[in-house]
N, C-alpha and C. Protein backbone atom coordinates (compact mmCIF):
# COMPACT_ATOMS: atom_id res chain seq x y z
N MET A 1 -18.53 76.44 98.95
CA MET A 1 -18.37 77.06 97.65
C MET A 1 -19.64 77.81 97.30
N SER A 2 -19.59 79.11 97.24
CA SER A 2 -20.77 79.88 96.90
C SER A 2 -20.89 80.00 95.39
N GLN A 3 -22.11 80.08 94.93
CA GLN A 3 -22.34 80.20 93.50
C GLN A 3 -22.73 81.62 93.17
N GLU A 4 -22.20 82.12 92.09
CA GLU A 4 -22.52 83.45 91.61
C GLU A 4 -23.83 83.41 90.82
N PRO A 5 -24.62 84.49 90.86
CA PRO A 5 -25.83 84.53 90.03
C PRO A 5 -25.46 84.45 88.56
N LEU A 6 -26.36 83.87 87.79
CA LEU A 6 -26.16 83.81 86.35
C LEU A 6 -26.27 85.21 85.75
N PRO A 7 -25.53 85.50 84.69
CA PRO A 7 -25.60 86.82 84.06
C PRO A 7 -27.05 87.18 83.69
N GLY A 8 -27.44 88.36 84.04
CA GLY A 8 -28.78 88.86 83.72
C GLY A 8 -29.88 88.36 84.65
N THR A 9 -29.51 87.66 85.74
CA THR A 9 -30.51 87.16 86.68
C THR A 9 -30.04 87.41 88.11
N ASP A 10 -30.93 87.18 89.06
CA ASP A 10 -30.57 87.21 90.47
C ASP A 10 -30.48 85.80 91.03
N CYS A 11 -30.48 84.79 90.15
CA CYS A 11 -30.55 83.40 90.58
C CYS A 11 -29.25 82.65 90.29
N THR A 12 -28.92 81.73 91.18
CA THR A 12 -27.80 80.82 90.94
C THR A 12 -28.32 79.65 90.10
N PRO A 13 -27.42 78.89 89.46
CA PRO A 13 -27.89 77.75 88.67
C PRO A 13 -28.75 76.78 89.48
N ALA A 14 -28.40 76.51 90.74
CA ALA A 14 -29.16 75.58 91.57
C ALA A 14 -30.59 76.07 91.81
N GLU A 15 -30.78 77.39 91.93
CA GLU A 15 -32.12 77.93 92.18
C GLU A 15 -33.01 77.83 90.95
N LEU A 16 -32.42 77.69 89.77
CA LEU A 16 -33.20 77.61 88.54
C LEU A 16 -33.57 76.18 88.17
N ARG A 17 -33.12 75.21 88.91
CA ARG A 17 -33.36 73.81 88.57
C ARG A 17 -34.84 73.46 88.73
N PHE A 18 -35.38 72.82 87.71
CA PHE A 18 -36.75 72.33 87.76
C PHE A 18 -36.76 70.95 88.42
N HIS A 19 -35.72 70.15 88.13
CA HIS A 19 -35.58 68.81 88.71
C HIS A 19 -34.38 68.83 89.66
N PRO A 20 -34.61 68.73 90.94
CA PRO A 20 -33.49 68.79 91.90
C PRO A 20 -32.54 67.60 91.73
N ARG A 21 -31.27 67.87 92.02
CA ARG A 21 -30.26 66.82 92.00
C ARG A 21 -30.28 66.09 93.33
N VAL A 22 -29.92 64.81 93.28
CA VAL A 22 -29.75 64.00 94.47
C VAL A 22 -28.27 63.65 94.56
N ARG A 23 -27.63 64.09 95.62
CA ARG A 23 -26.24 63.71 95.85
C ARG A 23 -26.26 62.31 96.46
N LEU A 24 -25.52 61.42 95.87
CA LEU A 24 -25.55 60.02 96.27
C LEU A 24 -24.59 59.74 97.41
N ARG A 25 -25.05 58.97 98.39
CA ARG A 25 -24.17 58.58 99.50
C ARG A 25 -23.03 57.72 98.99
N ALA A 26 -23.34 56.80 98.10
CA ALA A 26 -22.34 55.92 97.52
C ALA A 26 -22.38 56.07 96.01
N PRO A 27 -21.39 56.74 95.42
CA PRO A 27 -21.36 56.87 93.96
C PRO A 27 -21.38 55.49 93.30
N PHE A 28 -21.87 55.44 92.08
CA PHE A 28 -21.96 54.15 91.37
C PHE A 28 -21.38 54.29 89.97
N PRO A 29 -20.98 53.15 89.36
CA PRO A 29 -20.31 53.20 88.06
C PRO A 29 -21.26 53.41 86.89
N CYS A 30 -20.69 53.88 85.81
CA CYS A 30 -21.41 54.02 84.54
C CYS A 30 -20.42 53.77 83.40
N SER A 31 -20.95 53.52 82.24
CA SER A 31 -20.13 53.45 81.03
C SER A 31 -20.82 54.31 79.98
N PHE A 32 -20.04 54.84 79.06
CA PHE A 32 -20.63 55.70 78.04
C PHE A 32 -19.87 55.56 76.74
N SER A 33 -20.54 55.91 75.65
CA SER A 33 -19.90 55.90 74.34
C SER A 33 -20.45 57.06 73.52
N ARG A 34 -19.63 57.53 72.61
CA ARG A 34 -20.02 58.67 71.76
C ARG A 34 -21.10 58.26 70.78
N ARG A 35 -21.89 59.25 70.39
CA ARG A 35 -22.89 59.09 69.34
C ARG A 35 -22.60 60.11 68.26
N GLY A 36 -23.08 59.86 67.08
CA GLY A 36 -22.94 60.84 66.01
C GLY A 36 -21.59 60.80 65.32
N ILE A 37 -21.30 61.84 64.58
CA ILE A 37 -20.12 61.91 63.72
C ILE A 37 -18.81 61.88 64.50
N ARG A 38 -18.75 62.50 65.67
CA ARG A 38 -17.49 62.51 66.44
C ARG A 38 -17.09 61.12 66.88
N ARG A 39 -18.06 60.22 67.00
CA ARG A 39 -17.74 58.85 67.36
C ARG A 39 -16.81 58.23 66.32
N TRP A 40 -17.07 58.51 65.07
CA TRP A 40 -16.29 57.88 64.00
C TRP A 40 -14.93 58.54 63.80
N PHE A 41 -14.81 59.81 64.12
CA PHE A 41 -13.55 60.51 63.88
C PHE A 41 -12.76 60.82 65.14
N GLY A 42 -13.38 60.67 66.31
CA GLY A 42 -12.70 60.97 67.57
C GLY A 42 -11.78 59.83 67.98
N LYS A 43 -10.72 60.17 68.68
CA LYS A 43 -9.78 59.14 69.13
C LYS A 43 -10.32 58.38 70.34
N ASP A 44 -11.21 59.00 71.10
CA ASP A 44 -11.76 58.39 72.31
C ASP A 44 -13.24 58.13 72.08
N GLU A 45 -13.63 56.86 71.96
CA GLU A 45 -15.02 56.55 71.66
C GLU A 45 -15.91 56.44 72.89
N GLY A 46 -15.34 56.35 74.07
CA GLY A 46 -16.14 56.21 75.27
C GLY A 46 -15.29 55.94 76.47
N GLY A 47 -15.93 55.50 77.53
CA GLY A 47 -15.16 55.23 78.73
C GLY A 47 -16.03 54.80 79.89
N LEU A 48 -15.39 54.77 81.03
CA LEU A 48 -16.04 54.41 82.28
C LEU A 48 -16.02 55.62 83.20
N GLY A 49 -17.00 55.69 84.09
CA GLY A 49 -17.06 56.81 85.02
C GLY A 49 -17.74 56.42 86.30
N VAL A 50 -17.80 57.40 87.20
CA VAL A 50 -18.47 57.25 88.49
C VAL A 50 -19.48 58.39 88.61
N VAL A 51 -20.73 58.05 88.89
CA VAL A 51 -21.80 59.03 89.03
C VAL A 51 -21.82 59.55 90.46
N PHE A 52 -21.76 60.89 90.61
CA PHE A 52 -21.76 61.51 91.93
C PHE A 52 -23.09 62.13 92.31
N ASN A 53 -23.82 62.65 91.33
CA ASN A 53 -25.17 63.09 91.62
C ASN A 53 -26.04 62.87 90.40
N LEU A 54 -27.34 62.91 90.64
CA LEU A 54 -28.29 62.45 89.64
C LEU A 54 -29.57 63.24 89.77
N SER A 55 -30.20 63.51 88.64
CA SER A 55 -31.54 64.09 88.64
C SER A 55 -32.34 63.39 87.55
N MET A 56 -33.58 63.76 87.40
CA MET A 56 -34.40 63.17 86.34
C MET A 56 -33.92 63.60 84.96
N THR A 57 -33.10 64.61 84.90
CA THR A 57 -32.68 65.11 83.59
C THR A 57 -31.18 65.00 83.34
N GLY A 58 -30.40 64.46 84.28
CA GLY A 58 -28.98 64.35 84.00
C GLY A 58 -28.16 63.83 85.15
N VAL A 59 -26.84 63.74 84.90
CA VAL A 59 -25.89 63.22 85.89
C VAL A 59 -24.61 64.04 85.91
N LYS A 60 -23.90 63.95 87.04
CA LYS A 60 -22.56 64.50 87.18
C LYS A 60 -21.63 63.30 87.30
N VAL A 61 -20.64 63.24 86.40
CA VAL A 61 -19.79 62.05 86.28
C VAL A 61 -18.32 62.42 86.41
N LEU A 62 -17.57 61.58 87.10
CA LEU A 62 -16.11 61.66 87.15
C LEU A 62 -15.59 60.56 86.24
N GLY A 63 -14.77 60.94 85.27
CA GLY A 63 -14.21 59.95 84.37
C GLY A 63 -13.14 60.56 83.49
N GLU A 64 -12.11 59.78 83.17
CA GLU A 64 -11.06 60.27 82.29
C GLU A 64 -11.58 60.23 80.85
N THR A 65 -11.76 61.40 80.28
CA THR A 65 -12.31 61.47 78.94
C THR A 65 -11.74 62.66 78.19
N ASP A 66 -12.04 62.68 76.92
CA ASP A 66 -11.69 63.82 76.07
C ASP A 66 -13.01 64.38 75.52
N LEU A 67 -13.90 64.80 76.42
CA LEU A 67 -15.22 65.28 76.03
C LEU A 67 -15.22 66.80 75.96
N LYS A 68 -16.17 67.31 75.19
CA LYS A 68 -16.38 68.75 75.07
C LYS A 68 -17.88 69.03 75.18
N PRO A 69 -18.25 70.21 75.68
CA PRO A 69 -19.68 70.55 75.70
C PRO A 69 -20.27 70.41 74.30
N GLY A 70 -21.44 69.79 74.25
CA GLY A 70 -22.11 69.56 72.98
C GLY A 70 -21.94 68.14 72.47
N ASP A 71 -20.94 67.40 72.98
CA ASP A 71 -20.78 66.00 72.58
C ASP A 71 -22.02 65.22 72.98
N ARG A 72 -22.39 64.27 72.13
CA ARG A 72 -23.55 63.42 72.41
C ARG A 72 -23.06 62.03 72.79
N LEU A 73 -23.65 61.47 73.86
CA LEU A 73 -23.25 60.17 74.39
C LEU A 73 -24.46 59.29 74.62
N SER A 74 -24.25 57.99 74.58
CA SER A 74 -25.20 57.05 75.17
C SER A 74 -24.53 56.56 76.45
N MET A 75 -25.33 56.14 77.43
CA MET A 75 -24.76 55.81 78.74
C MET A 75 -25.53 54.67 79.39
N ASN A 76 -24.81 53.82 80.10
CA ASN A 76 -25.40 52.79 80.95
C ASN A 76 -25.07 53.12 82.39
N LEU A 77 -26.09 53.22 83.23
CA LEU A 77 -25.92 53.53 84.65
C LEU A 77 -26.15 52.26 85.47
N ARG A 78 -25.21 51.92 86.32
CA ARG A 78 -25.33 50.76 87.20
C ARG A 78 -25.97 51.21 88.51
N LEU A 79 -27.27 51.47 88.46
CA LEU A 79 -27.98 51.93 89.66
C LEU A 79 -27.84 50.90 90.77
N PRO A 80 -27.56 51.34 92.00
CA PRO A 80 -27.44 50.40 93.11
C PRO A 80 -28.69 49.54 93.29
N ARG A 81 -28.47 48.30 93.64
CA ARG A 81 -29.54 47.33 93.91
C ARG A 81 -30.45 47.06 92.71
N GLN A 82 -29.92 47.23 91.53
CA GLN A 82 -30.66 46.92 90.31
C GLN A 82 -29.96 45.77 89.60
N THR A 83 -30.73 44.88 89.00
CA THR A 83 -30.13 43.70 88.37
C THR A 83 -29.49 44.01 87.01
N SER A 84 -30.01 45.00 86.31
CA SER A 84 -29.44 45.34 85.01
C SER A 84 -29.20 46.84 84.93
N PRO A 85 -28.27 47.27 84.08
CA PRO A 85 -27.99 48.70 83.97
C PRO A 85 -29.15 49.46 83.33
N MET A 86 -29.30 50.71 83.74
CA MET A 86 -30.28 51.60 83.12
C MET A 86 -29.63 52.22 81.90
N SER A 87 -30.35 52.26 80.80
CA SER A 87 -29.79 52.74 79.55
C SER A 87 -30.32 54.13 79.19
N VAL A 88 -29.40 55.05 78.96
CA VAL A 88 -29.75 56.38 78.46
C VAL A 88 -29.45 56.37 76.97
N GLU A 89 -30.49 56.48 76.15
CA GLU A 89 -30.30 56.40 74.71
C GLU A 89 -29.37 57.50 74.20
N GLU A 90 -29.61 58.72 74.69
CA GLU A 90 -28.77 59.84 74.26
C GLU A 90 -28.76 60.94 75.30
N GLY A 91 -27.59 61.53 75.48
CA GLY A 91 -27.42 62.67 76.37
C GLY A 91 -26.44 63.64 75.73
N THR A 92 -26.48 64.88 76.18
CA THR A 92 -25.59 65.92 75.67
C THR A 92 -24.71 66.43 76.81
N VAL A 93 -23.40 66.47 76.56
CA VAL A 93 -22.47 67.01 77.55
C VAL A 93 -22.71 68.51 77.64
N ARG A 94 -23.01 69.01 78.84
CA ARG A 94 -23.29 70.44 79.04
C ARG A 94 -22.09 71.21 79.57
N TRP A 95 -21.25 70.54 80.37
CA TRP A 95 -20.05 71.21 80.90
C TRP A 95 -18.98 70.16 81.18
N VAL A 96 -17.73 70.62 81.16
CA VAL A 96 -16.59 69.76 81.49
C VAL A 96 -15.65 70.57 82.36
N ARG A 97 -15.24 70.00 83.49
CA ARG A 97 -14.29 70.64 84.41
C ARG A 97 -13.33 69.58 84.91
N ASP A 98 -12.04 69.72 84.57
CA ASP A 98 -11.05 68.71 84.93
C ASP A 98 -11.53 67.35 84.43
N GLN A 99 -11.75 66.41 85.33
CA GLN A 99 -12.21 65.08 84.91
C GLN A 99 -13.70 64.86 85.20
N MET A 100 -14.42 65.93 85.50
CA MET A 100 -15.86 65.86 85.75
C MET A 100 -16.61 66.40 84.54
N PHE A 101 -17.79 65.86 84.30
CA PHE A 101 -18.65 66.42 83.27
C PHE A 101 -20.11 66.25 83.66
N GLY A 102 -20.94 67.13 83.12
CA GLY A 102 -22.38 67.06 83.33
C GLY A 102 -23.05 66.61 82.05
N LEU A 103 -23.90 65.62 82.15
CA LEU A 103 -24.62 65.09 80.99
C LEU A 103 -26.11 65.31 81.18
N GLU A 104 -26.72 65.98 80.23
CA GLU A 104 -28.17 66.16 80.23
C GLU A 104 -28.79 65.06 79.39
N PHE A 105 -29.78 64.36 79.96
CA PHE A 105 -30.47 63.32 79.21
C PHE A 105 -31.35 63.98 78.15
N THR A 106 -31.15 63.61 76.90
CA THR A 106 -31.98 64.17 75.83
C THR A 106 -32.92 63.14 75.23
N ARG A 107 -32.60 61.86 75.41
CA ARG A 107 -33.52 60.81 74.94
C ARG A 107 -33.45 59.62 75.89
N LEU A 108 -34.58 59.38 76.54
CA LEU A 108 -34.71 58.29 77.51
C LEU A 108 -36.03 57.59 77.20
N SER A 109 -36.03 56.28 77.14
CA SER A 109 -37.28 55.56 76.86
C SER A 109 -38.24 55.75 78.03
N PRO A 110 -39.54 55.63 77.79
CA PRO A 110 -40.50 55.75 78.89
C PRO A 110 -40.24 54.75 80.01
N ALA A 111 -39.84 53.54 79.67
CA ALA A 111 -39.56 52.53 80.71
C ALA A 111 -38.36 52.94 81.56
N GLU A 112 -37.32 53.48 80.94
CA GLU A 112 -36.13 53.90 81.69
C GLU A 112 -36.42 55.16 82.49
N GLU A 113 -37.25 56.04 81.96
CA GLU A 113 -37.64 57.23 82.71
C GLU A 113 -38.40 56.84 83.97
N TRP A 114 -39.30 55.87 83.87
CA TRP A 114 -40.05 55.38 85.03
C TRP A 114 -39.09 54.74 86.03
N ARG A 115 -38.16 53.95 85.53
CA ARG A 115 -37.18 53.30 86.40
C ARG A 115 -36.34 54.32 87.16
N LEU A 116 -35.92 55.36 86.47
CA LEU A 116 -35.15 56.43 87.10
C LEU A 116 -36.00 57.15 88.15
N TRP A 117 -37.23 57.43 87.83
CA TRP A 117 -38.14 58.10 88.77
C TRP A 117 -38.29 57.27 90.05
N LYS A 118 -38.48 55.95 89.90
CA LYS A 118 -38.62 55.07 91.07
C LYS A 118 -37.33 55.08 91.90
N PHE A 119 -36.18 55.06 91.25
CA PHE A 119 -34.91 55.08 91.97
C PHE A 119 -34.75 56.40 92.71
N MET A 120 -35.06 57.52 92.05
CA MET A 120 -34.94 58.84 92.67
C MET A 120 -35.87 58.94 93.88
N GLU A 121 -37.07 58.41 93.77
CA GLU A 121 -38.02 58.41 94.89
C GLU A 121 -37.45 57.64 96.08
N LEU A 122 -36.86 56.49 95.82
CA LEU A 122 -36.27 55.68 96.87
C LEU A 122 -35.09 56.39 97.53
N VAL A 123 -34.21 56.99 96.74
CA VAL A 123 -33.05 57.70 97.28
C VAL A 123 -33.49 58.92 98.09
N SER A 124 -34.50 59.63 97.61
CA SER A 124 -35.00 60.81 98.33
C SER A 124 -35.55 60.44 99.70
N LYS A 125 -36.24 59.32 99.79
CA LYS A 125 -36.79 58.86 101.08
C LYS A 125 -35.68 58.53 102.06
N ARG A 126 -34.58 57.97 101.57
CA ARG A 126 -33.46 57.59 102.43
C ARG A 126 -32.70 58.81 102.97
N THR A 127 -32.69 59.90 102.22
CA THR A 127 -31.91 61.08 102.64
C THR A 127 -32.71 62.03 103.51
N ARG A 128 -33.98 61.78 103.72
CA ARG A 128 -34.80 62.68 104.54
C ARG A 128 -34.52 62.48 105.99
């Protein structure tokens, strides 16, 4: 699947990434719930998903949801070989396609950011 350059640039979205994505050999589960006003008025408050790729700034998730770009979520990631889930305080849905969506992390505690960095370092070493 080739990617088209973004309007007004000669670059594809992947070439503009500051934090590279890591495609996971074995996807892992996550759970998420809405934040903000839509949580109280939306019919779907959250759900379960499967993470297919990951970066320091976001995830690509497969899950049956009624999400729209701009929705704010909190998320728990069940990182492989970890005793407890990693908690994302807040993320923003950037895109939705069929049952996939991209979530950008907008608020992550320093401890969880460090934990994610260590996991990404470990996964990167395994894929080399």
